[in-house]
Amino acid sequence: MKSLRIALCRGAIFEDTARLLEAVGFDLSDVRANSRRLIFDTADGTRFITTRPTDVPTYVENGAADVGFVGKDVLLESRKSVYEVLDLKIGYCRMVFATPEGEDRSMETLRHLGTFRVATKYPNVTRDYFQERGINPEVIKLHGSIELAPLVGLAEGIVDLTSTGTTMRENNLQERFCLHECTARLVVNRVSHKLLAAQVSELTGRLREVVEACQP
C-alpha cells in the first residue's frame, strides 16, 4: 500500500475511519494529534490528506488523492466521477423528509399552489428524488439548522440526515419517509484504480476483512 494518497474527512466519521485504518496497519497517531494540519506523510510513503467531508470527492476525482473515505450522502449530492469500491458499514444514518408534527400539509400545499418548499443541505438529491416521482419542489439550500426552516415558515418540509431522530423530535418535526440510507464509503480515483491497482486492491481487501469481521 506504499505511496497511496488517502483523503480523510474531519467530522462525524473520522474516528471510525481512523480505527479501520489502524486495524489494517496504518499509524494515525500524528493525524489524531494534529487537528489543524492538513497533510501527513508517513515513513512508508503514504500521504494522508485531511479536509472537510464535502471536498473529499473533489480531491479524489481530480487526482489530488488516490482514495478517500466519505459518507454516501456526500457522494449522492456531489455527483463526482469516482469509483465507489467498498461500503465501510460505519456512520449509519438516514436521509429523510420531515414536516411539522401532526397532519402532513406538504401535499396539500402542492395541490393548491402547484409546488411546495423543501429546505435542505442536499438540493441535488432532494430535487432528483421528488422529480423522479413527478413532483417539482422549490428547493431552498441551507448550510445549518435545517430544522428551523419549517418552524418559521421558510419551507413546508426539510430533507436532512438523522440517526436517532432526537433533534427532529425536539423541534416538533415528524419523519414522513426515508430517501436514502447512508454509510461511509471507500472511493477511488479512476486513474489510480488502474495505475495503482495492486495497492488499491490490497487496501480494499484488508478493509473488507475488518468490516466483515465487525458485523454481527
Protein backbone atom coordinates (compact mmCIF):
# COMPACT_ATOMS: atom_id res chain seq x y z
CA MET A 1 0.00 0.00 0.00
CA LYS A 2 3.01 2.28 -0.33
CA SER A 3 2.60 5.69 -1.93
CA LEU A 4 -1.17 5.89 -1.69
CA ARG A 5 -2.60 9.35 -1.09
CA ILE A 6 -5.58 8.93 1.22
CA ALA A 7 -8.19 11.65 1.77
CA LEU A 8 -9.83 11.65 5.20
CA CYS A 9 -12.64 13.89 6.34
CA ARG A 10 -12.65 15.50 9.73
CA GLY A 11 -16.01 15.22 11.38
CA ALA A 12 -18.59 12.59 12.25
CA ILE A 13 -16.95 9.57 10.62
CA PHE A 14 -13.32 10.46 11.33
CA GLU A 15 -12.91 8.36 14.48
CA ASP A 16 -14.48 5.24 12.97
CA THR A 17 -12.45 5.70 9.79
CA ALA A 18 -9.24 6.07 11.79
CA ARG A 19 -9.96 2.87 13.70
CA LEU A 20 -10.47 0.97 10.45
CA LEU A 21 -7.19 2.22 9.03
CA GLU A 22 -5.35 1.42 12.23
CA ALA A 23 -6.83 -2.07 12.17
CA VAL A 24 -5.20 -2.70 8.78
CA GLY A 25 -1.82 -1.41 9.90
CA PHE A 26 -1.67 2.36 9.43
CA ASP A 27 -0.29 4.64 12.11
CA LEU A 28 -2.60 7.62 12.53
CA SER A 29 -1.15 8.97 15.74
CA ASP A 30 0.09 12.17 14.04
CA VAL A 31 -3.24 12.68 12.27
CA ARG A 32 -5.10 12.30 15.55
CA ALA A 33 -2.73 14.62 17.42
CA ASN A 34 -2.76 17.50 14.92
CA SER A 35 -6.30 18.51 14.01
CA ARG A 36 -5.16 21.70 12.22
CA ARG A 37 -2.55 20.17 9.94
CA LEU A 38 -3.81 19.15 6.53
CA ILE A 39 -1.12 16.82 5.14
CA PHE A 40 0.65 13.97 6.90
CA ASP A 41 3.44 11.96 5.22
CA THR A 42 4.44 8.63 6.76
CA ALA A 43 7.68 6.67 6.57
CA ASP A 44 6.26 4.13 4.11
CA GLY A 45 5.30 6.83 1.60
CA THR A 46 1.61 7.08 2.45
CA ARG A 47 0.20 10.60 2.42
CA PHE A 48 -2.91 11.42 4.44
CA ILE A 49 -4.87 14.50 3.35
CA THR A 50 -7.45 15.80 5.80
CA THR A 51 -10.27 18.02 4.59
CA ARG A 52 -13.96 18.74 5.06
CA PRO A 53 -16.32 15.91 4.04
CA THR A 54 -17.83 17.72 1.05
CA ASP A 55 -14.38 18.19 -0.50
CA VAL A 56 -13.22 14.56 -0.35
CA PRO A 57 -14.90 13.51 -3.66
CA THR A 58 -13.39 16.55 -5.39
CA TYR A 59 -9.86 15.71 -4.25
CA VAL A 60 -10.31 12.10 -5.36
CA GLU A 61 -11.98 12.87 -8.69
CA ASN A 62 -9.23 15.33 -9.66
CA GLY A 63 -6.34 13.09 -8.64
CA ALA A 64 -5.09 15.00 -5.60
CA ALA A 65 -5.88 11.83 -3.64
CA ASP A 66 -5.91 8.24 -4.86
CA VAL A 67 -8.58 7.05 -2.43
CA GLY A 68 -10.93 8.70 0.02
CA PHE A 69 -13.30 7.95 2.88
CA VAL A 70 -16.61 9.78 2.75
CA GLY A 71 -20.30 9.44 3.56
CA LYS A 72 -22.77 8.21 0.95
CA ASP A 73 -24.80 11.39 1.46
CA VAL A 74 -21.86 13.47 0.21
CA LEU A 75 -21.37 11.19 -2.80
CA LEU A 76 -25.03 11.41 -3.75
CA GLU A 77 -25.01 15.19 -3.57
CA SER A 78 -21.62 15.82 -5.19
CA ARG A 79 -22.17 13.64 -8.27
CA LYS A 80 -18.40 13.33 -8.67
CA SER A 81 -16.95 10.74 -11.04
CA VAL A 82 -15.19 8.35 -8.67
CA TYR A 83 -15.28 4.59 -8.15
CA GLU A 84 -17.19 3.55 -5.03
CA VAL A 85 -15.49 0.29 -4.10
CA LEU A 86 -16.50 -0.57 -0.52
CA ASP A 87 -19.31 0.05 1.94
CA LEU A 88 -17.49 0.51 5.25
CA LYS A 89 -20.64 -0.07 7.36
CA ILE A 90 -19.84 2.89 9.62
CA GLY A 91 -21.53 6.25 10.17
CA TYR A 92 -25.02 4.88 9.51
CA CYS A 93 -27.75 7.48 9.14
CA ARG A 94 -30.87 8.09 7.07
CA MET A 95 -31.69 10.94 4.73
CA VAL A 96 -35.34 11.70 5.45
CA PHE A 97 -38.14 14.06 4.54
CA ALA A 98 -39.77 15.64 7.61
CA THR A 99 -42.53 18.16 8.25
CA PRO A 100 -44.09 19.65 11.39
CA GLU A 101 -45.81 17.13 13.66
CA GLY A 102 -49.43 16.31 13.03
CA GLU A 103 -51.09 16.15 9.66
CA ASP A 104 -48.61 16.43 6.77
CA ARG A 105 -49.71 19.54 4.86
CA SER A 106 -46.93 19.50 2.26
CA MET A 107 -49.03 17.60 -0.28
CA GLU A 108 -51.98 19.93 0.39
CA THR A 109 -49.70 22.87 -0.40
CA LEU A 110 -48.65 21.10 -3.58
CA ARG A 111 -52.27 20.62 -4.67
CA HIS A 112 -53.25 24.23 -4.02
CA LEU A 113 -50.12 26.10 -5.16
CA GLY A 114 -48.61 23.63 -7.62
CA THR A 115 -45.39 23.32 -5.62
CA PHE A 116 -44.05 23.25 -2.10
CA ARG A 117 -40.81 24.36 -0.49
CA VAL A 118 -38.17 22.00 0.89
CA ALA A 119 -35.14 23.24 2.84
CA THR A 120 -32.03 21.08 2.79
CA LYS A 121 -28.25 20.80 2.62
CA TYR A 122 -28.79 18.36 -0.25
CA PRO A 123 -30.52 20.23 -3.10
CA ASN A 124 -29.41 17.83 -5.86
CA VAL A 125 -30.56 14.71 -4.03
CA THR A 126 -33.82 16.34 -2.97
CA ARG A 127 -34.67 17.65 -6.42
CA ASP A 128 -33.85 14.33 -8.10
CA TYR A 129 -35.86 12.29 -5.62
CA PHE A 130 -39.04 14.31 -5.98
CA GLN A 131 -38.76 14.91 -9.72
CA GLU A 132 -38.39 11.18 -10.32
CA ARG A 133 -41.83 10.93 -8.70
CA GLY A 134 -43.38 13.69 -10.80
CA ILE A 135 -43.11 16.41 -8.14
CA ASN A 136 -41.20 19.65 -8.71
CA PRO A 137 -40.49 21.26 -5.33
CA GLU A 138 -38.92 24.63 -4.70
CA VAL A 139 -35.64 23.62 -3.07
CA ILE A 140 -34.05 26.04 -0.63
CA LYS A 141 -30.42 25.31 0.20
CA LEU A 142 -29.30 25.93 3.78
CA HIS A 143 -25.99 25.18 5.46
CA GLY A 144 -27.13 24.60 9.03
CA SER A 145 -30.09 24.47 11.43
CA ILE A 146 -32.27 22.89 8.76
CA GLU A 147 -34.94 22.09 11.36
CA LEU A 148 -35.62 25.81 11.77
CA ALA A 149 -36.98 26.29 8.24
CA PRO A 150 -40.50 24.87 8.66
CA LEU A 151 -40.82 26.36 12.15
CA VAL A 152 -40.51 29.92 10.81
CA GLY A 153 -42.40 29.40 7.55
CA LEU A 154 -39.41 29.27 5.22
CA ALA A 155 -40.38 25.82 3.94
CA GLU A 156 -43.13 23.23 4.29
CA GLY A 157 -40.62 20.47 4.95
CA ILE A 158 -36.96 19.52 5.13
CA VAL A 159 -34.63 16.84 3.84
CA ASP A 160 -31.86 16.11 6.30
CA LEU A 161 -29.82 13.35 7.89
CA THR A 162 -30.87 11.67 11.10
CA SER A 163 -29.53 8.76 13.09
CA THR A 164 -31.77 8.72 16.15
CA GLY A 165 -34.43 11.27 15.25
CA THR A 166 -33.88 13.11 18.54
CA THR A 167 -33.15 16.53 17.06
CA MET A 168 -36.23 16.38 14.87
CA ARG A 169 -38.46 15.36 17.75
CA GLU A 170 -37.04 18.14 19.90
CA ASN A 171 -38.05 20.60 17.17
CA ASN A 172 -41.54 19.10 16.75
CA LEU A 173 -40.81 17.62 13.35
CA GLN A 174 -42.03 14.24 12.16
CA GLU A 175 -40.25 11.98 9.70
CA ARG A 176 -42.50 11.20 6.75
CA PHE A 177 -40.29 8.92 4.67
CA CYS A 178 -36.68 7.94 4.00
CA LEU A 179 -34.94 8.95 0.78
CA HIS A 180 -31.68 7.07 1.30
CA GLU A 181 -29.84 5.04 3.91
CA CYS A 182 -26.25 6.26 4.17
CA THR A 183 -22.97 4.85 5.42
CA ALA A 184 -19.32 5.74 4.83
CA ARG A 185 -17.71 4.51 1.61
CA LEU A 186 -14.23 3.97 0.22
CA VAL A 187 -13.90 5.75 -3.13
CA VAL A 188 -11.07 5.60 -5.68
CA ASN A 189 -9.80 7.91 -8.39
CA ARG A 190 -10.42 6.37 -11.82
CA VAL A 191 -6.79 6.68 -12.97
CA SER A 192 -5.36 5.46 -9.66
CA HIS A 193 -7.70 2.47 -9.86
CA LYS A 194 -5.69 1.35 -12.91
CA LEU A 195 -2.17 2.63 -12.23
CA LEU A 196 -2.15 1.67 -8.55
CA ALA A 197 -4.34 -1.39 -8.91
CA ALA A 198 -2.23 -3.58 -6.59
CA GLN A 199 -2.17 -1.02 -3.77
CA VAL A 200 -5.85 -0.19 -4.10
CA SER A 201 -6.82 -3.85 -4.23
CA GLU A 202 -4.74 -4.65 -1.15
CA LEU A 203 -6.22 -1.78 0.83
CA THR A 204 -9.76 -2.67 -0.22
CA GLY A 205 -9.28 -6.34 0.60
CA ARG A 206 -7.83 -5.72 4.04
CA LEU A 207 -10.52 -3.20 4.89
CA ARG A 208 -13.22 -5.62 3.71
CA GLU A 209 -11.88 -8.28 6.07
CA VAL A 210 -12.03 -5.89 9.02
CA VAL A 211 -15.50 -4.65 8.10
CA GLU A 212 -16.88 -8.17 7.72
CA ALA A 213 -15.29 -9.27 10.99
CA CYS A 214 -17.09 -6.46 12.80
CA GLN A 215 -20.53 -7.40 11.50
CA PRO A 216 -22.87 -9.35 13.81
